[in-house]
Amino acid sequence: MLSKTSLEQWQLLQEVIACGSFARAAERVNRSQSAISYQLGLMQERLGIALLMPQGRRAVLTPEGQILLAQARPLLDGFAQLENRAASLKAGSRARIDLVVDSIFPRGVLFGVLRQFQQRHPATQVHLTEVLRGESAQQLQQRQADILILTRESCGQRPAENLLDIDFVAVAQREHPLLALAAPLAHSTLARFPLVEILDRHQQQDGPQAVAENWTFTSIEAAVEAVLHQVGYGWLPASQIAPWLESGELQPLPLSSGQRRTSSLCLLVDPRVQAEEGEIVTLLTLFRALNAAQSAAGGPDGGDFLS
């Protein structure tokens, strides 16, 4: 079934209301006043409802017109965005960037970068894939990505730029038995309690089971929940458990050594990517700025940088 009205007619209606009169709308869209009047008259006839009424020298919407134009505006805006994107692609803009990021990357910081990128290049989609640290080189090679942000260990021998240092803190829920023991805690003491670890599925299936009571999870969120429910203790990313550290629900373990561990994230660019492309340059610049910001803040412990 064909539509009774056209997108152009709704656009003309919107222009008439924005300009306040047929004459001004005609000047703005470079049409004759009679042509606009004809199209809107035909539109109202086909709908069987009045959309416009005179108010002094102005043309205003009827109550029904207000309802219908309000519903049409998102469609008009979406169509304008569609045409703008087509124009950007015609001008050579990149349609999509594939980005692989280790799951320990602080999401607030990541989405802040992606938001800035979106504002500068609205026509380019970023396809984001999260991976777990410790994925093998073979697994990573199977992932098609333009830009990768991985742990130093995952990068292997490939040339990579240092990007961020992520702090991991040994913590337990505030009522965990470990926190009732005399400090400092030795690693031999920790061995008597279950450790919560974050591993990918291959590591879970194939990795050595050195400690029978270790609990392994395939996401940081699940590992955090496990520690919060006293399933065990664990080294968790400080930036992702900050609210529970501040409230005291999670507490750092008073270890004799190794209470904090640092994992470095590195930036890799696929050699097949044209690094001078505008969209790639923008995204790389935004990520590289994080390294300078963390250094200025004093490293992974520097203030609220990763919060």
Protein backbone atom coordinates (compact mmCIF):
# COMPACT_ATOMS: atom_id res chain seq x y z
CA MET A 1 0.00 0.00 0.00
CA LEU A 2 1.43 3.35 -1.08
CA SER A 3 1.65 6.21 1.40
CA LYS A 4 -0.97 8.93 1.15
CA THR A 5 1.61 11.60 1.88
CA SER A 6 5.25 12.15 1.00
CA LEU A 7 8.31 13.00 3.04
CA GLU A 8 8.62 16.23 1.04
CA GLN A 9 5.14 17.32 2.10
CA TRP A 10 5.95 16.84 5.79
CA GLN A 11 9.17 18.78 5.27
CA LEU A 12 7.23 21.63 3.67
CA LEU A 13 4.75 21.63 6.55
CA GLN A 14 7.63 21.86 9.00
CA GLU A 15 9.14 24.78 7.06
CA VAL A 16 5.86 26.69 6.97
CA ILE A 17 5.50 26.39 10.75
CA ALA A 18 9.15 27.31 11.35
CA CYS A 19 8.91 30.37 9.08
CA GLY A 20 5.40 31.38 10.13
CA SER A 21 4.03 31.88 6.63
CA PHE A 22 3.87 30.35 3.16
CA ALA A 23 5.73 33.31 1.67
CA ARG A 24 8.74 33.02 3.95
CA ALA A 25 8.81 29.24 3.60
CA ALA A 26 8.77 29.63 -0.19
CA GLU A 27 11.83 31.89 -0.05
CA ARG A 28 13.67 29.49 2.23
CA VAL A 29 13.11 26.34 0.15
CA ASN A 30 13.29 28.14 -3.21
CA ARG A 31 9.78 27.16 -4.26
CA SER A 32 6.81 29.22 -5.31
CA GLN A 33 4.22 30.01 -2.69
CA SER A 34 1.52 28.43 -4.86
CA ALA A 35 3.52 25.18 -5.16
CA ILE A 36 3.82 24.88 -1.38
CA SER A 37 0.15 25.72 -0.90
CA TYR A 38 -0.83 23.07 -3.46
CA GLN A 39 1.29 20.35 -1.84
CA LEU A 40 -0.01 21.04 1.66
CA GLY A 41 -3.60 21.26 0.40
CA LEU A 42 -3.20 17.90 -1.34
CA MET A 43 -1.65 16.45 1.81
CA GLN A 44 -4.58 17.54 4.00
CA GLU A 45 -7.09 16.31 1.43
CA ARG A 46 -5.54 12.84 1.33
CA LEU A 47 -5.35 12.62 5.12
CA GLY A 48 -8.89 13.90 5.48
CA ILE A 49 -7.87 16.22 8.28
CA ALA A 50 -6.92 19.89 8.61
CA LEU A 51 -3.31 20.41 9.67
CA LEU A 52 -3.09 24.21 9.33
CA MET A 53 -5.24 27.16 10.24
CA PRO A 54 -4.74 30.94 9.90
CA GLN A 55 -3.95 33.00 12.98
CA GLY A 56 -3.68 36.61 11.93
CA ARG A 57 -0.99 36.67 9.24
CA ARG A 58 0.59 33.45 10.45
CA ALA A 59 -0.11 29.85 9.55
CA VAL A 60 -0.28 27.68 12.67
CA LEU A 61 -0.94 24.03 13.33
CA THR A 62 -4.33 22.72 14.31
CA PRO A 63 -4.36 20.47 17.43
CA GLU A 64 -4.34 17.46 15.10
CA GLY A 65 -1.51 18.99 13.10
CA GLN A 66 0.55 19.46 16.26
CA ILE A 67 0.19 15.77 17.13
CA LEU A 68 1.03 14.51 13.65
CA LEU A 69 3.97 16.84 13.00
CA ALA A 70 5.45 15.97 16.41
CA GLN A 71 5.32 12.30 15.38
CA ALA A 72 6.81 13.06 11.96
CA ARG A 73 9.76 15.15 13.22
CA PRO A 74 11.93 12.17 14.30
CA LEU A 75 11.45 10.71 10.81
CA LEU A 76 12.43 14.00 9.18
CA ASP A 77 15.50 14.30 11.42
CA GLY A 78 16.46 10.69 10.70
CA PHE A 79 16.19 11.24 6.96
CA ALA A 80 18.35 14.37 7.20
CA GLN A 81 20.98 12.37 9.09
CA LEU A 82 20.78 9.65 6.43
CA GLU A 83 21.47 12.14 3.65
CA ASN A 84 24.28 13.77 5.64
CA ARG A 85 25.88 10.38 6.13
CA ALA A 86 25.59 9.59 2.44
CA ALA A 87 27.31 12.89 1.66
CA SER A 88 30.12 12.09 4.11
CA LEU A 89 30.64 8.64 2.58
CA LYS A 90 30.67 10.16 -0.90
CA ALA A 91 33.37 12.59 0.29
CA GLY A 92 35.53 9.63 1.35
CA SER A 93 34.64 9.21 5.02
CA ARG A 94 35.31 5.79 6.49
CA ALA A 95 32.05 3.89 7.08
CA ARG A 96 33.26 1.74 9.97
CA ILE A 97 36.18 1.23 12.35
CA ASP A 98 36.63 -2.13 14.08
CA LEU A 99 38.00 -1.69 17.60
CA VAL A 100 39.10 -4.47 19.95
CA VAL A 101 39.59 -3.48 23.59
CA ASP A 102 40.65 -5.49 26.62
CA SER A 103 37.85 -5.66 29.19
CA ILE A 104 40.05 -4.11 31.90
CA PHE A 105 39.93 -0.78 30.03
CA PRO A 106 37.81 1.54 32.23
CA ARG A 107 34.46 1.83 30.51
CA GLY A 108 33.80 5.40 31.59
CA VAL A 109 37.04 6.49 29.93
CA LEU A 110 36.39 4.33 26.85
CA PHE A 111 32.89 5.65 26.26
CA GLY A 112 34.13 9.19 26.83
CA VAL A 113 36.58 8.71 23.95
CA LEU A 114 33.93 7.15 21.72
CA ARG A 115 31.52 9.99 22.47
CA GLN A 116 34.11 12.57 21.41
CA PHE A 117 34.80 10.58 18.25
CA GLN A 118 31.08 10.36 17.45
CA GLN A 119 30.73 14.12 17.75
CA ARG A 120 33.54 14.64 15.23
CA HIS A 121 32.67 11.83 12.81
CA PRO A 122 28.94 11.06 13.11
CA ALA A 123 28.93 9.18 9.81
CA THR A 124 31.47 6.58 10.98
CA GLN A 125 30.39 3.60 13.07
CA VAL A 126 32.72 2.07 15.64
CA HIS A 127 32.27 -1.68 16.09
CA LEU A 128 33.57 -2.49 19.58
CA THR A 129 34.62 -5.96 20.72
CA GLU A 130 35.76 -6.61 24.29
CA VAL A 131 38.26 -9.37 24.99
CA LEU A 132 39.65 -10.88 28.17
CA ARG A 133 43.28 -10.45 29.07
CA GLY A 134 45.24 -13.58 28.44
CA GLU A 135 43.70 -14.42 25.06
CA SER A 136 46.27 -16.27 23.01
CA ALA A 137 48.04 -14.72 20.04
CA GLN A 138 46.22 -17.20 17.79
CA GLN A 139 42.83 -16.07 19.11
CA LEU A 140 43.74 -12.41 18.63
CA GLN A 141 44.93 -13.01 15.07
CA GLN A 142 41.48 -14.36 14.24
CA ARG A 143 39.90 -11.08 15.26
CA GLN A 144 39.54 -8.59 12.42
CA ALA A 145 40.26 -5.16 13.87
CA ASP A 146 41.67 -1.84 12.73
CA ILE A 147 42.75 -0.77 16.21
CA LEU A 148 43.46 -3.00 19.20
CA ILE A 149 44.03 -2.06 22.84
CA LEU A 150 45.48 -5.07 24.64
CA THR A 151 47.64 -5.97 27.59
CA ARG A 152 51.38 -5.95 27.02
CA GLU A 153 51.42 -9.76 27.38
CA SER A 154 48.76 -10.17 24.67
CA CYS A 155 50.68 -7.96 22.23
CA GLY A 156 53.54 -10.45 22.10
CA GLN A 157 56.36 -9.32 19.80
CA ARG A 158 54.23 -6.93 17.78
CA PRO A 159 55.22 -3.24 17.96
CA ALA A 160 52.83 -1.44 20.28
CA GLU A 161 52.56 1.91 22.06
CA ASN A 162 52.12 2.15 25.81
CA LEU A 163 48.68 3.60 26.49
CA LEU A 164 47.48 3.14 30.07
CA ASP A 165 48.52 1.41 33.27
CA ILE A 166 45.65 -0.30 35.08
CA ASP A 167 45.94 -0.86 38.82
CA PHE A 168 44.65 -4.12 40.31
CA VAL A 169 44.03 -4.25 44.06
CA ALA A 170 43.82 -7.36 46.25
CA VAL A 171 40.43 -7.05 47.94
CA ALA A 172 37.83 -9.00 49.87
CA GLN A 173 34.32 -8.28 51.07
CA ARG A 174 34.46 -6.50 54.45
CA GLU A 175 33.22 -9.57 56.39
CA HIS A 176 35.54 -12.05 54.67
CA PRO A 177 37.51 -14.20 57.17
CA LEU A 178 40.82 -12.99 55.69
CA LEU A 179 40.19 -9.50 57.09
CA ALA A 180 39.87 -10.90 60.61
CA LEU A 181 43.40 -12.37 60.54
CA ALA A 182 46.47 -10.60 61.87
CA ALA A 183 48.20 -8.33 59.38
CA PRO A 184 50.27 -8.44 57.28
CA LEU A 185 48.93 -11.46 55.43
CA ALA A 186 51.45 -13.82 53.87
CA HIS A 187 50.82 -15.50 50.53
CA SER A 188 50.82 -18.86 52.29
CA THR A 189 47.81 -17.61 54.25
CA LEU A 190 46.02 -16.55 51.06
CA ALA A 191 46.52 -20.03 49.63
CA ARG A 192 44.07 -21.40 52.19
CA PHE A 193 41.21 -19.37 50.72
CA PRO A 194 39.54 -19.44 47.28
CA LEU A 195 40.92 -16.98 44.74
CA VAL A 196 38.58 -15.34 42.22
CA GLU A 197 40.21 -15.05 38.78
CA ILE A 198 39.19 -13.68 35.39
CA LEU A 199 39.97 -16.08 32.54
CA ASP A 200 38.63 -16.68 29.08
CA ARG A 201 36.86 -19.94 28.29
CA HIS A 202 39.91 -21.50 26.64
CA GLN A 203 42.01 -20.82 29.73
CA GLN A 204 39.28 -22.27 31.93
CA GLN A 205 39.22 -25.48 29.90
CA ASP A 206 42.91 -25.88 29.11
CA GLY A 207 44.76 -24.05 31.87
CA PRO A 208 46.54 -25.84 34.73
CA GLN A 209 44.41 -26.27 37.85
CA ALA A 210 47.13 -25.35 40.33
CA VAL A 211 44.76 -24.47 43.14
CA ALA A 212 41.64 -26.63 43.31
CA GLU A 213 39.58 -24.00 45.09
CA ASN A 214 40.16 -21.20 42.59
CA TRP A 215 37.00 -19.78 41.07
CA THR A 216 37.25 -18.54 37.48
CA PHE A 217 34.91 -16.15 35.67
CA THR A 218 34.78 -14.88 32.11
CA SER A 219 33.88 -11.28 32.92
CA ILE A 220 35.08 -8.61 35.33
CA GLU A 221 31.50 -7.93 36.41
CA ALA A 222 30.99 -11.56 37.46
CA ALA A 223 34.32 -11.63 39.30
CA VAL A 224 33.42 -8.46 41.22
CA GLU A 225 30.04 -9.92 42.18
CA ALA A 226 31.72 -13.11 43.34
CA VAL A 227 34.08 -11.19 45.64
CA LEU A 228 31.18 -9.07 46.93
CA HIS A 229 29.36 -12.30 47.86
CA GLN A 230 32.43 -13.71 49.66
CA VAL A 231 33.01 -16.48 47.13
CA GLY A 232 36.69 -15.56 47.44
CA TYR A 233 39.18 -12.72 47.31
CA GLY A 234 40.80 -11.36 44.18
CA TRP A 235 42.90 -8.75 42.42
CA LEU A 236 40.34 -6.50 40.73
CA PRO A 237 40.73 -3.33 38.61
CA ALA A 238 40.75 -0.40 41.03
CA SER A 239 38.84 1.87 38.64
CA GLN A 240 35.98 -0.63 38.34
CA ILE A 241 35.55 -1.26 42.06
CA ALA A 242 36.01 2.35 43.23
CA PRO A 243 32.41 2.73 44.56
CA TRP A 244 32.75 -0.35 46.79
CA LEU A 245 36.19 0.70 47.99
CA GLU A 246 34.83 4.13 48.92
CA SER A 247 31.84 2.64 50.76
CA GLY A 248 34.01 0.09 52.57
CA GLU A 249 32.06 -2.88 51.17
CA LEU A 250 35.31 -4.06 49.59
CA GLN A 251 38.51 -3.62 51.55
CA PRO A 252 42.15 -3.95 50.46
CA LEU A 253 43.88 -6.98 51.90
CA PRO A 254 46.82 -6.07 54.18
CA LEU A 255 49.38 -8.21 52.34
CA SER A 256 53.05 -8.40 53.24
CA SER A 257 53.77 -7.69 49.55
CA GLY A 258 51.99 -7.48 46.21
CA GLN A 259 48.81 -5.78 47.36
CA ARG A 260 48.72 -3.88 44.07
CA ARG A 261 49.57 -5.15 40.63
CA THR A 262 49.77 -3.09 37.45
CA SER A 263 48.83 -4.26 33.98
CA SER A 264 49.85 -2.14 30.99
CA LEU A 265 47.50 -1.60 28.08
CA CYS A 266 49.06 -1.02 24.67
CA LEU A 267 47.82 0.42 21.39
CA LEU A 268 48.12 -1.58 18.18
CA VAL A 269 47.14 -0.53 14.66
CA ASP A 270 46.57 -3.14 11.98
CA PRO A 271 49.37 -2.70 9.40
CA ARG A 272 46.82 -2.90 6.59
CA VAL A 273 45.02 0.20 7.86
CA GLN A 274 45.79 3.54 6.25
CA ALA A 275 46.86 5.34 9.43
CA GLU A 276 46.58 8.74 7.77
CA GLU A 277 42.81 8.39 7.28
CA GLY A 278 41.02 11.21 9.08
CA GLU A 279 38.76 9.00 11.18
CA ILE A 280 41.60 6.67 12.21
CA VAL A 281 43.81 9.65 13.07
CA THR A 282 41.07 11.16 15.25
CA LEU A 283 40.46 7.97 17.21
CA LEU A 284 44.17 7.31 17.71
CA THR A 285 44.72 10.90 18.84
CA LEU A 286 41.93 10.63 21.40
CA PHE A 287 43.34 7.40 22.80
CA ARG A 288 46.92 8.70 22.84
CA ALA A 289 45.77 11.73 24.82
CA LEU A 290 44.88 9.33 27.66
CA ASN A 291 48.54 8.41 28.09
CA ALA A 292 49.52 12.06 28.52
CA ALA A 293 46.61 12.66 30.91
CA GLN A 294 47.54 9.69 33.09
CA SER A 295 51.18 10.76 33.19
CA ALA A 296 50.13 14.27 34.21
CA ALA A 297 47.94 12.79 36.95
CA GLY A 298 50.88 10.86 38.39
CA GLY A 299 50.41 7.37 36.97
CA PRO A 300 47.71 4.74 37.68
CA ASP A 301 47.29 6.04 41.25
CA GLY A 302 46.90 9.65 40.10
CA GLY A 303 43.66 11.10 41.40
CA ASP A 304 40.34 10.49 39.66
CA PHE A 305 41.70 10.08 36.12
CA LEU A 306 40.27 6.57 35.60
CA SER A 307 37.24 6.89 37.85
